């Protein structure tokens, strides 16, 4: 749900070259069933989607659980290598 400028700063800081989705209007959160409607926020969720639109990895946790960005980058790199064969 972070804004595009927030994602841009995050990507630049970590050297991420793949696109990140901003869901400021919460449409994708609703489609992926992670929107907490009563609070107007989404659960803490990360999805890695390939170029064909297939979800290759997902993690959904409670809001107070921190995520390891380096682990997500490792998973994204491993998935990319796997798809290249």
PDB file of N, CA and C in Angstrom:
ATOM      1  N   UNK A   1       0.810  -1.186   0.000  1.00  0.00           N
ATOM      2  CA  UNK A   1       0.000   0.000   0.000  1.00  0.00           C
ATOM      3  C   UNK A   1       0.857   1.255   0.000  1.00  0.00           C
ATOM      4  N   UNK A   2       2.167   1.094   0.096  1.00  0.00           N
ATOM      5  CA  UNK A   2       3.037   2.265   0.117  1.00  0.00           C
ATOM      6  C   UNK A   2       2.917   3.037  -1.189  1.00  0.00           C
ATOM      7  N   UNK A   3       3.240   4.303  -1.124  1.00  0.00           N
ATOM      8  CA  UNK A   3       3.158   5.163  -2.300  1.00  0.00           C
ATOM      9  C   UNK A   3       4.269   4.850  -3.295  1.00  0.00           C
ATOM     10  N   UNK A   4       4.086   5.300  -4.531  1.00  0.00           N
ATOM     11  CA  UNK A   4       5.114   5.123  -5.559  1.00  0.00           C
ATOM     12  C   UNK A   4       6.427   5.786  -5.159  1.00  0.00           C
ATOM     13  N   UNK A   5       6.413   7.033  -4.616  1.00  0.00           N
ATOM     14  CA  UNK A   5       7.678   7.638  -4.188  1.00  0.00           C
ATOM     15  C   UNK A   5       8.372   6.836  -3.084  1.00  0.00           C
ATOM     16  N   UNK A   6       7.593   6.245  -2.183  1.00  0.00           N
ATOM     17  CA  UNK A   6       8.165   5.416  -1.129  1.00  0.00           C
ATOM     18  C   UNK A   6       8.844   4.186  -1.723  1.00  0.00           C
ATOM     19  N   UNK A   7       8.185   3.537  -2.680  1.00  0.00           N
ATOM     20  CA  UNK A   7       8.772   2.370  -3.346  1.00  0.00           C
ATOM     21  C   UNK A   7      10.022   2.755  -4.132  1.00  0.00           C
ATOM     22  N   UNK A   8       9.984   3.912  -4.776  1.00  0.00           N
ATOM     23  CA  UNK A   8      11.140   4.363  -5.555  1.00  0.00           C
ATOM     24  C   UNK A   8      12.353   4.536  -4.648  1.00  0.00           C
ATOM     25  N   UNK A   9      12.152   5.200  -3.506  1.00  0.00           N
ATOM     26  CA  UNK A   9      13.253   5.409  -2.554  1.00  0.00           C
ATOM     27  C   UNK A   9      13.765   4.075  -2.024  1.00  0.00           C
ATOM     28  N   UNK A  10      12.865   3.160  -1.713  1.00  0.00           N
ATOM     29  CA  UNK A  10      13.220   1.832  -1.223  1.00  0.00           C
ATOM     30  C   UNK A  10      14.066   1.096  -2.266  1.00  0.00           C
ATOM     31  N   UNK A  11      13.598   1.110  -3.527  1.00  0.00           N
ATOM     32  CA  UNK A  11      14.301   0.415  -4.605  1.00  0.00           C
ATOM     33  C   UNK A  11      15.685   1.006  -4.838  1.00  0.00           C
ATOM     34  N   UNK A  12      15.790   2.327  -4.821  1.00  0.00           N
ATOM     35  CA  UNK A  12      17.083   2.976  -5.026  1.00  0.00           C
ATOM     36  C   UNK A  12      18.050   2.645  -3.892  1.00  0.00           C
ATOM     37  N   UNK A  13      17.548   2.627  -2.678  1.00  0.00           N
ATOM     38  CA  UNK A  13      18.394   2.334  -1.510  1.00  0.00           C
ATOM     39  C   UNK A  13      18.983   0.930  -1.592  1.00  0.00           C
ATOM     40  N   UNK A  14      18.186  -0.030  -2.062  1.00  0.00           N
ATOM     41  CA  UNK A  14      18.619  -1.430  -2.096  1.00  0.00           C
ATOM     42  C   UNK A  14      19.131  -1.877  -3.454  1.00  0.00           C
ATOM     43  N   UNK A  15      19.048  -1.017  -4.457  1.00  0.00           N
ATOM     44  CA  UNK A  15      19.490  -1.397  -5.789  1.00  0.00           C
ATOM     45  C   UNK A  15      18.549  -2.357  -6.484  1.00  0.00           C
ATOM     46  N   UNK A  16      17.272  -2.304  -6.127  1.00  0.00           N
ATOM     47  CA  UNK A  16      16.266  -3.176  -6.727  1.00  0.00           C
ATOM     48  C   UNK A  16      15.959  -2.676  -8.138  1.00  0.00           C
ATOM     49  N   UNK A  17      15.973  -3.583  -9.102  1.00  0.00           N
ATOM     50  CA  UNK A  17      15.732  -3.188 -10.487  1.00  0.00           C
ATOM     51  C   UNK A  17      14.398  -3.700 -11.029  1.00  0.00           C
ATOM     52  N   UNK A  18      13.707  -4.536 -10.274  1.00  0.00           N
ATOM     53  CA  UNK A  18      12.414  -5.027 -10.728  1.00  0.00           C
ATOM     54  C   UNK A  18      11.311  -4.095 -10.217  1.00  0.00           C
ATOM     55  N   UNK A  19      10.150  -4.071 -10.895  1.00  0.00           N
ATOM     56  CA  UNK A  19       9.089  -3.141 -10.497  1.00  0.00           C
ATOM     57  C   UNK A  19       8.441  -3.521  -9.175  1.00  0.00           C
ATOM     58  N   UNK A  20       8.052  -2.494  -8.425  1.00  0.00           N
ATOM     59  CA  UNK A  20       7.316  -2.661  -7.180  1.00  0.00           C
ATOM     60  C   UNK A  20       5.934  -2.035  -7.369  1.00  0.00           C
ATOM     61  N   UNK A  21       4.913  -2.649  -6.825  1.00  0.00           N
ATOM     62  CA  UNK A  21       3.545  -2.181  -7.007  1.00  0.00           C
ATOM     63  C   UNK A  21       3.114  -1.309  -5.836  1.00  0.00           C
ATOM     64  N   UNK A  22       2.622  -0.124  -6.150  1.00  0.00           N
ATOM     65  CA  UNK A  22       1.995   0.725  -5.146  1.00  0.00           C
ATOM     66  C   UNK A  22       0.494   0.452  -5.188  1.00  0.00           C
ATOM     67  N   UNK A  23      -0.099   0.206  -4.046  1.00  0.00           N
ATOM     68  CA  UNK A  23      -1.535  -0.098  -3.973  1.00  0.00           C
ATOM     69  C   UNK A  23      -2.231   0.919  -3.085  1.00  0.00           C
ATOM     70  N   UNK A  24      -1.968   2.176  -3.345  1.00  0.00           N
ATOM     71  CA  UNK A  24      -2.475   3.253  -2.501  1.00  0.00           C
ATOM     72  C   UNK A  24      -4.011   3.257  -2.430  1.00  0.00           C
ATOM     73  N   UNK A  25      -4.674   2.761  -3.483  1.00  0.00           N
ATOM     74  CA  UNK A  25      -6.143   2.728  -3.501  1.00  0.00           C
ATOM     75  C   UNK A  25      -6.716   1.401  -3.016  1.00  0.00           C
ATOM     76  N   UNK A  26      -5.848   0.483  -2.644  1.00  0.00           N
ATOM     77  CA  UNK A  26      -6.210  -0.782  -2.008  1.00  0.00           C
ATOM     78  C   UNK A  26      -6.956  -1.776  -2.907  1.00  0.00           C
ATOM     79  N   UNK A  27      -6.905  -1.575  -4.220  1.00  0.00           N
ATOM     80  CA  UNK A  27      -7.585  -2.492  -5.138  1.00  0.00           C
ATOM     81  C   UNK A  27      -6.908  -3.866  -5.154  1.00  0.00           C
ATOM     82  N   UNK A  28      -5.596  -3.875  -5.233  1.00  0.00           N
ATOM     83  CA  UNK A  28      -4.869  -5.145  -5.290  1.00  0.00           C
ATOM     84  C   UNK A  28      -4.953  -5.869  -3.953  1.00  0.00           C
ATOM     85  N   UNK A  29      -4.883  -5.115  -2.865  1.00  0.00           N
ATOM     86  CA  UNK A  29      -5.021  -5.734  -1.533  1.00  0.00           C
ATOM     87  C   UNK A  29      -6.342  -6.482  -1.421  1.00  0.00           C
ATOM     88  N   UNK A  30      -7.396  -5.898  -1.948  1.00  0.00           N
ATOM     89  CA  UNK A  30      -8.701  -6.552  -1.916  1.00  0.00           C
ATOM     90  C   UNK A  30      -8.692  -7.801  -2.799  1.00  0.00           C
ATOM     91  N   UNK A  31      -8.124  -7.696  -4.003  1.00  0.00           N
ATOM     92  CA  UNK A  31      -8.079  -8.839  -4.917  1.00  0.00           C
ATOM     93  C   UNK A  31      -7.254 -10.000  -4.358  1.00  0.00           C
ATOM     94  N   UNK A  32      -6.207  -9.664  -3.605  1.00  0.00           N
ATOM     95  CA  UNK A  32      -5.327 -10.697  -3.048  1.00  0.00           C
ATOM     96  C   UNK A  32      -5.773 -11.148  -1.652  1.00  0.00           C
ATOM     97  N   UNK A  33      -6.929 -10.673  -1.234  1.00  0.00           N
ATOM     98  CA  UNK A  33      -7.539 -11.053   0.049  1.00  0.00           C
ATOM     99  C   UNK A  33      -6.669 -10.750   1.256  1.00  0.00           C
ATOM    100  N   UNK A  34      -5.984  -9.609   1.229  1.00  0.00           N
ATOM    101  CA  UNK A  34      -5.190  -9.204   2.388  1.00  0.00           C
ATOM    102  C   UNK A  34      -5.666  -7.863   2.956  1.00  0.00           C
ATOM    103  N   UNK A  35      -6.750  -7.330   2.419  1.00  0.00           N
ATOM    104  CA  UNK A  35      -7.289  -6.062   2.898  1.00  0.00           C
ATOM    105  C   UNK A  35      -8.056  -6.281   4.193  1.00  0.00           C
ATOM    106  N   UNK A  36      -7.737  -5.489   5.199  1.00  0.00           N
ATOM    107  CA  UNK A  36      -8.475  -5.489   6.460  1.00  0.00           C
ATOM    108  C   UNK A  36      -9.467  -4.341   6.361  1.00  0.00           C
ATOM    109  N   UNK A  37     -10.655  -4.635   5.867  1.00  0.00           N
ATOM    110  CA  UNK A  37     -11.634  -3.607   5.503  1.00  0.00           C
ATOM    111  C   UNK A  37     -11.990  -2.688   6.661  1.00  0.00           C
ATOM    112  N   UNK A  38     -12.193  -3.254   7.846  1.00  0.00           N
ATOM    113  CA  UNK A  38     -12.599  -2.448   8.999  1.00  0.00           C
ATOM    114  C   UNK A  38     -11.594  -1.350   9.333  1.00  0.00           C
ATOM    115  N   UNK A  39     -10.318  -1.610   9.031  1.00  0.00           N
ATOM    116  CA  UNK A  39      -9.264  -0.654   9.366  1.00  0.00           C
ATOM    117  C   UNK A  39      -8.769   0.127   8.140  1.00  0.00           C
ATOM    118  N   UNK A  40      -9.182  -0.290   6.950  1.00  0.00           N
ATOM    119  CA  UNK A  40      -8.761   0.390   5.731  1.00  0.00           C
ATOM    120  C   UNK A  40      -7.292   0.192   5.394  1.00  0.00           C
ATOM    121  N   UNK A  41      -6.726  -0.906   5.881  1.00  0.00           N
ATOM    122  CA  UNK A  41      -5.316  -1.222   5.627  1.00  0.00           C
ATOM    123  C   UNK A  41      -5.220  -2.670   5.162  1.00  0.00           C
ATOM    124  N   UNK A  42      -4.049  -3.057   4.719  1.00  0.00           N
ATOM    125  CA  UNK A  42      -3.860  -4.460   4.351  1.00  0.00           C
ATOM    126  C   UNK A  42      -2.953  -5.139   5.362  1.00  0.00           C
ATOM    127  N   UNK A  43      -3.054  -6.443   5.404  1.00  0.00           N
ATOM    128  CA  UNK A  43      -2.133  -7.217   6.235  1.00  0.00           C
ATOM    129  C   UNK A  43      -0.729  -6.998   5.688  1.00  0.00           C
ATOM    130  N   UNK A  44       0.262  -7.298   6.464  1.00  0.00           N
ATOM    131  CA  UNK A  44       1.638  -7.179   5.986  1.00  0.00           C
ATOM    132  C   UNK A  44       1.867  -8.336   5.028  1.00  0.00           C
ATOM    133  N   UNK A  45       1.941  -8.003   3.740  1.00  0.00           N
ATOM    134  CA  UNK A  45       1.992  -9.047   2.714  1.00  0.00           C
ATOM    135  C   UNK A  45       3.020  -8.704   1.651  1.00  0.00           C
ATOM    136  N   UNK A  46       3.687  -9.730   1.180  1.00  0.00           N
ATOM    137  CA  UNK A  46       4.626  -9.598   0.072  1.00  0.00           C
ATOM    138  C   UNK A  46       4.319 -10.699  -0.926  1.00  0.00           C
ATOM    139  N   UNK A  47       4.204 -10.317  -2.196  1.00  0.00           N
ATOM    140  CA  UNK A  47       3.977 -11.258  -3.276  1.00  0.00           C
ATOM    141  C   UNK A  47       5.062 -11.037  -4.317  1.00  0.00           C
ATOM    142  N   UNK A  48       5.645 -12.108  -4.819  1.00  0.00           N
ATOM    143  CA  UNK A  48       6.577 -12.024  -5.936  1.00  0.00           C
ATOM    144  C   UNK A  48       5.862 -12.667  -7.112  1.00  0.00           C
ATOM    145  N   UNK A  49       5.634 -11.844  -8.148  1.00  0.00           N
ATOM    146  CA  UNK A  49       4.861 -12.261  -9.316  1.00  0.00           C
ATOM    147  C   UNK A  49       5.788 -12.267 -10.527  1.00  0.00           C
ATOM    148  N   UNK A  50       5.751 -13.344 -11.314  1.00  0.00           N
ATOM    149  CA  UNK A  50       6.630 -13.408 -12.479  1.00  0.00           C
ATOM    150  C   UNK A  50       6.050 -12.601 -13.638  1.00  0.00           C
ATOM    151  N   UNK A  51       6.795 -12.516 -14.720  1.00  0.00           N
ATOM    152  CA  UNK A  51       6.375 -11.718 -15.875  1.00  0.00           C
ATOM    153  C   UNK A  51       5.094 -12.233 -16.501  1.00  0.00           C
ATOM    154  N   UNK A  52       4.769 -13.500 -16.274  1.00  0.00           N
ATOM    155  CA  UNK A  52       3.538 -14.084 -16.786  1.00  0.00           C
ATOM    156  C   UNK A  52       2.336 -13.866 -15.880  1.00  0.00           C
ATOM    157  N   UNK A  53       2.561 -13.164 -14.758  1.00  0.00           N
ATOM    158  CA  UNK A  53       1.474 -12.880 -13.834  1.00  0.00           C
ATOM    159  C   UNK A  53       1.206 -13.981 -12.822  1.00  0.00           C
ATOM    160  N   UNK A  54       2.111 -14.949 -12.717  1.00  0.00           N
ATOM    161  CA  UNK A  54       1.936 -16.064 -11.780  1.00  0.00           C
ATOM    162  C   UNK A  54       2.627 -15.731 -10.460  1.00  0.00           C
ATOM    163  N   UNK A  55       1.896 -15.892  -9.375  1.00  0.00           N
ATOM    164  CA  UNK A  55       2.483 -15.669  -8.050  1.00  0.00           C
ATOM    165  C   UNK A  55       3.459 -16.802  -7.773  1.00  0.00           C
ATOM    166  N   UNK A  56       4.725 -16.470  -7.587  1.00  0.00           N
ATOM    167  CA  UNK A  56       5.768 -17.464  -7.336  1.00  0.00           C
ATOM    168  C   UNK A  56       6.133 -17.551  -5.854  1.00  0.00           C
ATOM    169  N   UNK A  57       5.770 -16.508  -5.103  1.00  0.00           N
ATOM    170  CA  UNK A  57       6.080 -16.491  -3.674  1.00  0.00           C
ATOM    171  C   UNK A  57       5.093 -15.559  -3.004  1.00  0.00           C
ATOM    172  N   UNK A  58       4.656 -15.935  -1.797  1.00  0.00           N
ATOM    173  CA  UNK A  58       3.820 -15.034  -1.008  1.00  0.00           C
ATOM    174  C   UNK A  58       4.087 -15.241   0.468  1.00  0.00           C
ATOM    175  N   UNK A  59       3.988 -14.137   1.190  1.00  0.00           N
ATOM    176  CA  UNK A  59       4.115 -14.178   2.642  1.00  0.00           C
ATOM    177  C   UNK A  59       3.136 -13.171   3.204  1.00  0.00           C
ATOM    178  N   UNK A  60       2.250 -13.623   4.078  1.00  0.00           N
ATOM    179  CA  UNK A  60       1.275 -12.754   4.731  1.00  0.00           C
ATOM    180  C   UNK A  60       1.418 -12.971   6.234  1.00  0.00           C
ATOM    181  N   UNK A  61       1.651 -11.868   6.950  1.00  0.00           N
ATOM    182  CA  UNK A  61       1.859 -11.963   8.394  1.00  0.00           C
ATOM    183  C   UNK A  61       1.040 -10.914   9.125  1.00  0.00           C
ATOM    184  N   UNK A  62       1.008 -11.025  10.442  1.00  0.00           N
ATOM    185  CA  UNK A  62       0.401  -9.989  11.262  1.00  0.00           C
ATOM    186  C   UNK A  62       1.171  -8.688  11.080  1.00  0.00           C
ATOM    187  N   UNK A  63       0.514  -7.585  11.368  1.00  0.00           N
ATOM    188  CA  UNK A  63       1.102  -6.266  11.135  1.00  0.00           C
ATOM    189  C   UNK A  63       2.381  -6.014  11.926  1.00  0.00           C
ATOM    190  N   UNK A  64       2.497  -6.595  13.096  1.00  0.00           N
ATOM    191  CA  UNK A  64       3.650  -6.285  13.944  1.00  0.00           C
ATOM    192  C   UNK A  64       4.861  -7.182  13.696  1.00  0.00           C
ATOM    193  N   UNK A  65       4.785  -8.038  12.690  1.00  0.00           N
ATOM    194  CA  UNK A  65       5.915  -8.911  12.372  1.00  0.00           C
ATOM    195  C   UNK A  65       6.740  -8.265  11.275  1.00  0.00           C
ATOM    196  N   UNK A  66       8.004  -8.037  11.553  1.00  0.00           N
ATOM    197  CA  UNK A  66       8.904  -7.418  10.581  1.00  0.00           C
ATOM    198  C   UNK A  66       9.323  -8.444   9.536  1.00  0.00           C
ATOM    199  N   UNK A  67       9.630  -7.944   8.348  1.00  0.00           N
ATOM    200  CA  UNK A  67      10.077  -8.808   7.261  1.00  0.00           C
ATOM    201  C   UNK A  67      11.541  -8.539   6.967  1.00  0.00           C
ATOM    202  N   UNK A  68      12.203  -9.529   6.419  1.00  0.00           N
ATOM    203  CA  UNK A  68      13.620  -9.423   6.084  1.00  0.00           C
ATOM    204  C   UNK A  68      13.764  -9.138   4.594  1.00  0.00           C
ATOM    205  N   UNK A  69      14.090  -7.896   4.263  1.00  0.00           N
ATOM    206  CA  UNK A  69      14.202  -7.482   2.869  1.00  0.00           C
ATOM    207  C   UNK A  69      15.252  -8.303   2.138  1.00  0.00           C
ATOM    208  N   UNK A  70      16.360  -8.585   2.781  1.00  0.00           N
ATOM    209  CA  UNK A  70      17.411  -9.377   2.131  1.00  0.00           C
ATOM    210  C   UNK A  70      16.919 -10.769   1.760  1.00  0.00           C
ATOM    211  N   UNK A  71      16.050 -11.334   2.581  1.00  0.00           N
ATOM    212  CA  UNK A  71      15.493 -12.652   2.265  1.00  0.00           C
ATOM    213  C   UNK A  71      14.610 -12.570   1.025  1.00  0.00           C
ATOM    214  N   UNK A  72      13.822 -11.518   0.887  1.00  0.00           N
ATOM    215  CA  UNK A  72      12.987 -11.359  -0.302  1.00  0.00           C
ATOM    216  C   UNK A  72      13.837 -11.184  -1.549  1.00  0.00           C
ATOM    217  N   UNK A  73      14.920 -10.438  -1.436  1.00  0.00           N
ATOM    218  CA  UNK A  73      15.811 -10.254  -2.576  1.00  0.00           C
ATOM    219  C   UNK A  73      16.453 -11.590  -2.964  1.00  0.00           C
ATOM    220  N   UNK A  74      16.847 -12.378  -1.961  1.00  0.00           N
ATOM    221  CA  UNK A  74      17.419 -13.695  -2.229  1.00  0.00           C
ATOM    222  C   UNK A  74      16.414 -14.579  -2.955  1.00  0.00           C
ATOM    223  N   UNK A  75      15.172 -14.562  -2.510  1.00  0.00           N
ATOM    224  CA  UNK A  75      14.126 -15.377  -3.133  1.00  0.00           C
ATOM    225  C   UNK A  75      13.865 -14.905  -4.560  1.00  0.00           C
ATOM    226  N   UNK A  76      13.793 -13.603  -4.764  1.00  0.00           N
ATOM    227  CA  UNK A  76      13.558 -13.066  -6.116  1.00  0.00           C
ATOM    228  C   UNK A  76      14.681 -13.465  -7.060  1.00  0.00           C
ATOM    229  N   UNK A  77      15.921 -13.393  -6.592  1.00  0.00           N
ATOM    230  CA  UNK A  77      17.060 -13.797  -7.426  1.00  0.00           C
ATOM    231  C   UNK A  77      17.010 -15.284  -7.735  1.00  0.00           C
ATOM    232  N   UNK A  78      16.661 -16.102  -6.753  1.00  0.00           N
ATOM    233  CA  UNK A  78      16.577 -17.546  -6.967  1.00  0.00           C
ATOM    234  C   UNK A  78      15.472 -17.875  -7.967  1.00  0.00           C
ATOM    235  N   UNK A  79      14.332 -17.204  -7.870  1.00  0.00           N
ATOM    236  CA  UNK A  79      13.249 -17.435  -8.805  1.00  0.00           C
ATOM    237  C   UNK A  79      13.640 -17.007 -10.215  1.00  0.00           C
ATOM    238  N   UNK A  80      14.349 -15.907 -10.314  1.00  0.00           N
ATOM    239  CA  UNK A  80      14.810 -15.440 -11.621  1.00  0.00           C
ATOM    240  C   UNK A  80      15.771 -16.441 -12.263  1.00  0.00           C
ATOM    241  N   UNK A  81      16.703 -16.964 -11.487  1.00  0.00           N
ATOM    242  CA  UNK A  81      17.642 -17.969 -12.000  1.00  0.00           C
ATOM    243  C   UNK A  81      16.899 -19.232 -12.419  1.00  0.00           C
ATOM    244  N   UNK A  82      15.921 -19.633 -11.622  1.00  0.00           N
ATOM    245  CA  UNK A  82      15.137 -20.830 -11.923  1.00  0.00           C
ATOM    246  C   UNK A  82      14.415 -20.689 -13.256  1.00  0.00           C
ATOM    247  N   UNK A  83      13.848 -19.517 -13.496  1.00  0.00           N
ATOM    248  CA  UNK A  83      13.084 -19.319 -14.731  1.00  0.00           C
ATOM    249  C   UNK A  83      13.986 -19.215 -15.955  1.00  0.00           C
ATOM    250  N   UNK A  84      15.215 -18.775 -15.762  1.00  0.00           N
ATOM    251  CA  UNK A  84      16.150 -18.694 -16.876  1.00  0.00           C
ATOM    252  C   UNK A  84      16.665 -20.077 -17.256  1.00  0.00           C
ATOM    253  N   UNK A  85      16.540 -21.010 -16.294  1.00  0.00           N
ATOM    254  CA  UNK A  85      16.929 -22.389 -16.567  1.00  0.00           C
ATOM    255  C   UNK A  85      18.354 -22.590 -16.342  1.00  0.00           C
TER     256      UNK A  85
END
